Protein backbone atom coordinates (compact mmCIF):
# COMPACT_ATOMS: atom_id res chain seq x y z
CA UNK A 1 0.00 0.00 0.00
CA UNK A 2 1.23 3.44 -0.92
CA UNK A 3 0.47 6.77 0.75
CA UNK A 4 -1.17 9.43 -1.44
CA UNK A 5 -1.57 13.09 -0.53
CA UNK A 6 -4.65 15.02 -1.66
CA UNK A 7 -3.77 18.70 -1.95
CA UNK A 8 -6.75 21.04 -2.36
CA UNK A 9 -6.52 23.94 -4.80
CA UNK A 10 -9.01 26.66 -5.60
CA UNK A 11 -8.80 30.12 -7.08
CA UNK A 12 -7.52 31.51 -3.79
CA UNK A 13 -5.21 28.97 -2.21
CA UNK A 14 -3.44 25.63 -2.13
CA UNK A 15 -3.92 23.54 1.01
CA UNK A 16 -1.34 20.78 1.39
CA UNK A 17 -2.36 17.42 2.78
CA UNK A 18 0.20 16.56 5.41
CA UNK A 19 -1.26 13.21 6.47
CA UNK A 20 -2.15 11.33 3.28
CA UNK A 21 -4.19 8.17 2.83
CA UNK A 22 -3.13 4.64 1.94
CA UNK A 23 -4.38 2.99 -1.25
CA UNK A 24 -3.38 -0.14 -3.10
CA UNK A 25 -4.20 1.08 -6.63
CA UNK A 26 -4.65 4.26 -8.67
CA UNK A 27 -8.28 3.49 -9.52
CA UNK A 28 -9.19 3.85 -5.86
CA UNK A 29 -7.08 7.01 -5.59
CA UNK A 30 -8.92 8.53 -8.56
CA UNK A 31 -12.31 7.59 -7.09
CA UNK A 32 -11.45 9.19 -3.74
CA UNK A 33 -10.19 12.36 -5.43
CA UNK A 34 -13.34 12.62 -7.58
CA UNK A 35 -15.66 12.12 -4.60
CA UNK A 36 -13.76 14.67 -2.53
CA UNK A 37 -13.87 17.20 -5.36
CA UNK A 38 -17.61 16.71 -5.78
CA UNK A 39 -18.02 17.44 -2.06
CA UNK A 40 -15.91 20.61 -2.41
CA UNK A 41 -18.00 21.80 -5.36
CA UNK A 42 -21.26 21.14 -3.51
CA UNK A 43 -20.03 23.04 -0.46
CA UNK A 44 -18.89 25.96 -2.62
CA UNK A 45 -22.28 26.24 -4.31
CA UNK A 46 -24.15 26.16 -1.01
CA UNK A 47 -21.79 28.56 0.72
CA UNK A 48 -21.53 31.23 -1.97
CA UNK A 49 -23.89 34.14 -2.26
CA UNK A 50 -22.86 34.75 -5.82
CA UNK A 51 -20.00 34.01 -8.18
CA UNK A 52 -19.63 33.79 -11.91
CA UNK A 53 -16.88 31.19 -12.27
CA UNK A 54 -15.16 28.79 -9.96
CA UNK A 55 -12.09 26.59 -10.32
CA UNK A 56 -11.27 23.78 -7.91
CA UNK A 57 -8.88 20.86 -8.07
CA UNK A 58 -7.42 18.05 -6.07
CA UNK A 59 -3.79 17.44 -6.89
CA UNK A 60 -2.69 13.97 -5.83
CA UNK A 61 0.94 13.19 -5.11
CA UNK A 62 2.88 10.32 -3.64
CA UNK A 63 6.37 10.26 -2.13
CA UNK A 64 7.89 10.56 -5.62
CA UNK A 65 5.81 13.51 -6.82
CA UNK A 66 2.61 14.34 -8.72
CA UNK A 67 0.32 11.45 -9.66
CA UNK A 68 -2.88 13.06 -10.99
CA UNK A 69 -5.09 16.10 -10.91
CA UNK A 70 -8.88 16.03 -10.75
CA UNK A 71 -10.43 19.42 -11.43
CA UNK A 72 -13.71 21.15 -12.06
CA UNK A 73 -14.53 24.48 -13.62
CA UNK A 74 -18.06 25.73 -13.43
CA UNK A 75 -19.68 28.94 -14.47
CA UNK A 76 -22.98 30.58 -13.66
CA UNK A 77 -24.44 32.87 -16.30
CA UNK A 78 -27.55 34.83 -15.39
CA UNK A 79 -29.48 36.72 -18.03
CA UNK A 80 -31.72 38.53 -15.54
C-alpha atoms as a PDB file:
ATOM      1  CA  UNK A   1       0.000   0.000   0.000  1.00  0.00           C
ATOM      2  CA  UNK A   2       1.234   3.439  -0.920  1.00  0.00           C
ATOM      3  CA  UNK A   3       0.469   6.770   0.749  1.00  0.00           C
ATOM      4  CA  UNK A   4      -1.165   9.432  -1.439  1.00  0.00           C
ATOM      5  CA  UNK A   5      -1.571  13.095  -0.531  1.00  0.00           C
ATOM      6  CA  UNK A   6      -4.651  15.016  -1.660  1.00  0.00           C
ATOM      7  CA  UNK A   7      -3.769  18.703  -1.950  1.00  0.00           C
ATOM      8  CA  UNK A   8      -6.752  21.038  -2.359  1.00  0.00           C
ATOM      9  CA  UNK A   9      -6.523  23.937  -4.800  1.00  0.00           C
ATOM     10  CA  UNK A  10      -9.014  26.655  -5.600  1.00  0.00           C
ATOM     11  CA  UNK A  11      -8.798  30.122  -7.083  1.00  0.00           C
ATOM     12  CA  UNK A  12      -7.517  31.511  -3.790  1.00  0.00           C
ATOM     13  CA  UNK A  13      -5.206  28.973  -2.211  1.00  0.00           C
ATOM     14  CA  UNK A  14      -3.436  25.627  -2.128  1.00  0.00           C
ATOM     15  CA  UNK A  15      -3.919  23.545   1.014  1.00  0.00           C
ATOM     16  CA  UNK A  16      -1.340  20.780   1.386  1.00  0.00           C
ATOM     17  CA  UNK A  17      -2.364  17.419   2.781  1.00  0.00           C
ATOM     18  CA  UNK A  18       0.203  16.562   5.414  1.00  0.00           C
ATOM     19  CA  UNK A  19      -1.259  13.208   6.470  1.00  0.00           C
ATOM     20  CA  UNK A  20      -2.147  11.327   3.281  1.00  0.00           C
ATOM     21  CA  UNK A  21      -4.192   8.171   2.830  1.00  0.00           C
ATOM     22  CA  UNK A  22      -3.127   4.641   1.944  1.00  0.00           C
ATOM     23  CA  UNK A  23      -4.376   2.994  -1.249  1.00  0.00           C
ATOM     24  CA  UNK A  24      -3.382  -0.141  -3.097  1.00  0.00           C
ATOM     25  CA  UNK A  25      -4.199   1.076  -6.633  1.00  0.00           C
ATOM     26  CA  UNK A  26      -4.652   4.257  -8.673  1.00  0.00           C
ATOM     27  CA  UNK A  27      -8.277   3.492  -9.522  1.00  0.00           C
ATOM     28  CA  UNK A  28      -9.191   3.850  -5.855  1.00  0.00           C
ATOM     29  CA  UNK A  29      -7.083   7.008  -5.587  1.00  0.00           C
ATOM     30  CA  UNK A  30      -8.922   8.528  -8.556  1.00  0.00           C
ATOM     31  CA  UNK A  31     -12.310   7.588  -7.088  1.00  0.00           C
ATOM     32  CA  UNK A  32     -11.449   9.193  -3.739  1.00  0.00           C
ATOM     33  CA  UNK A  33     -10.188  12.362  -5.430  1.00  0.00           C
ATOM     34  CA  UNK A  34     -13.339  12.622  -7.584  1.00  0.00           C
ATOM     35  CA  UNK A  35     -15.656  12.121  -4.596  1.00  0.00           C
ATOM     36  CA  UNK A  36     -13.757  14.672  -2.532  1.00  0.00           C
ATOM     37  CA  UNK A  37     -13.868  17.200  -5.356  1.00  0.00           C
ATOM     38  CA  UNK A  38     -17.612  16.708  -5.782  1.00  0.00           C
ATOM     39  CA  UNK A  39     -18.016  17.442  -2.061  1.00  0.00           C
ATOM     40  CA  UNK A  40     -15.909  20.606  -2.411  1.00  0.00           C
ATOM     41  CA  UNK A  41     -18.002  21.797  -5.359  1.00  0.00           C
ATOM     42  CA  UNK A  42     -21.260  21.140  -3.506  1.00  0.00           C
ATOM     43  CA  UNK A  43     -20.032  23.040  -0.458  1.00  0.00           C
ATOM     44  CA  UNK A  44     -18.894  25.963  -2.618  1.00  0.00           C
ATOM     45  CA  UNK A  45     -22.278  26.243  -4.313  1.00  0.00           C
ATOM     46  CA  UNK A  46     -24.155  26.155  -1.006  1.00  0.00           C
ATOM     47  CA  UNK A  47     -21.790  28.558   0.717  1.00  0.00           C
ATOM     48  CA  UNK A  48     -21.533  31.234  -1.970  1.00  0.00           C
ATOM     49  CA  UNK A  49     -23.894  34.137  -2.264  1.00  0.00           C
ATOM     50  CA  UNK A  50     -22.856  34.753  -5.823  1.00  0.00           C
ATOM     51  CA  UNK A  51     -19.998  34.012  -8.177  1.00  0.00           C
ATOM     52  CA  UNK A  52     -19.631  33.794 -11.914  1.00  0.00           C
ATOM     53  CA  UNK A  53     -16.882  31.188 -12.267  1.00  0.00           C
ATOM     54  CA  UNK A  54     -15.161  28.794  -9.955  1.00  0.00           C
ATOM     55  CA  UNK A  55     -12.091  26.589 -10.318  1.00  0.00           C
ATOM     56  CA  UNK A  56     -11.266  23.778  -7.906  1.00  0.00           C
ATOM     57  CA  UNK A  57      -8.878  20.862  -8.073  1.00  0.00           C
ATOM     58  CA  UNK A  58      -7.421  18.047  -6.066  1.00  0.00           C
ATOM     59  CA  UNK A  59      -3.791  17.436  -6.887  1.00  0.00           C
ATOM     60  CA  UNK A  60      -2.693  13.974  -5.831  1.00  0.00           C
ATOM     61  CA  UNK A  61       0.938  13.189  -5.107  1.00  0.00           C
ATOM     62  CA  UNK A  62       2.878  10.324  -3.637  1.00  0.00           C
ATOM     63  CA  UNK A  63       6.369  10.262  -2.133  1.00  0.00           C
ATOM     64  CA  UNK A  64       7.891  10.558  -5.624  1.00  0.00           C
ATOM     65  CA  UNK A  65       5.814  13.513  -6.824  1.00  0.00           C
ATOM     66  CA  UNK A  66       2.608  14.343  -8.722  1.00  0.00           C
ATOM     67  CA  UNK A  67       0.320  11.447  -9.663  1.00  0.00           C
ATOM     68  CA  UNK A  68      -2.878  13.058 -10.992  1.00  0.00           C
ATOM     69  CA  UNK A  69      -5.094  16.103 -10.913  1.00  0.00           C
ATOM     70  CA  UNK A  70      -8.878  16.030 -10.745  1.00  0.00           C
ATOM     71  CA  UNK A  71     -10.432  19.421 -11.427  1.00  0.00           C
ATOM     72  CA  UNK A  72     -13.707  21.151 -12.061  1.00  0.00           C
ATOM     73  CA  UNK A  73     -14.533  24.483 -13.617  1.00  0.00           C
ATOM     74  CA  UNK A  74     -18.059  25.731 -13.433  1.00  0.00           C
ATOM     75  CA  UNK A  75     -19.683  28.941 -14.468  1.00  0.00           C
ATOM     76  CA  UNK A  76     -22.980  30.577 -13.657  1.00  0.00           C
ATOM     77  CA  UNK A  77     -24.441  32.866 -16.297  1.00  0.00           C
ATOM     78  CA  UNK A  78     -27.552  34.829 -15.392  1.00  0.00           C
ATOM     79  CA  UNK A  79     -29.475  36.724 -18.032  1.00  0.00           C
ATOM     80  CA  UNK A  80     -31.724  38.534 -15.541  1.00  0.00           C
END
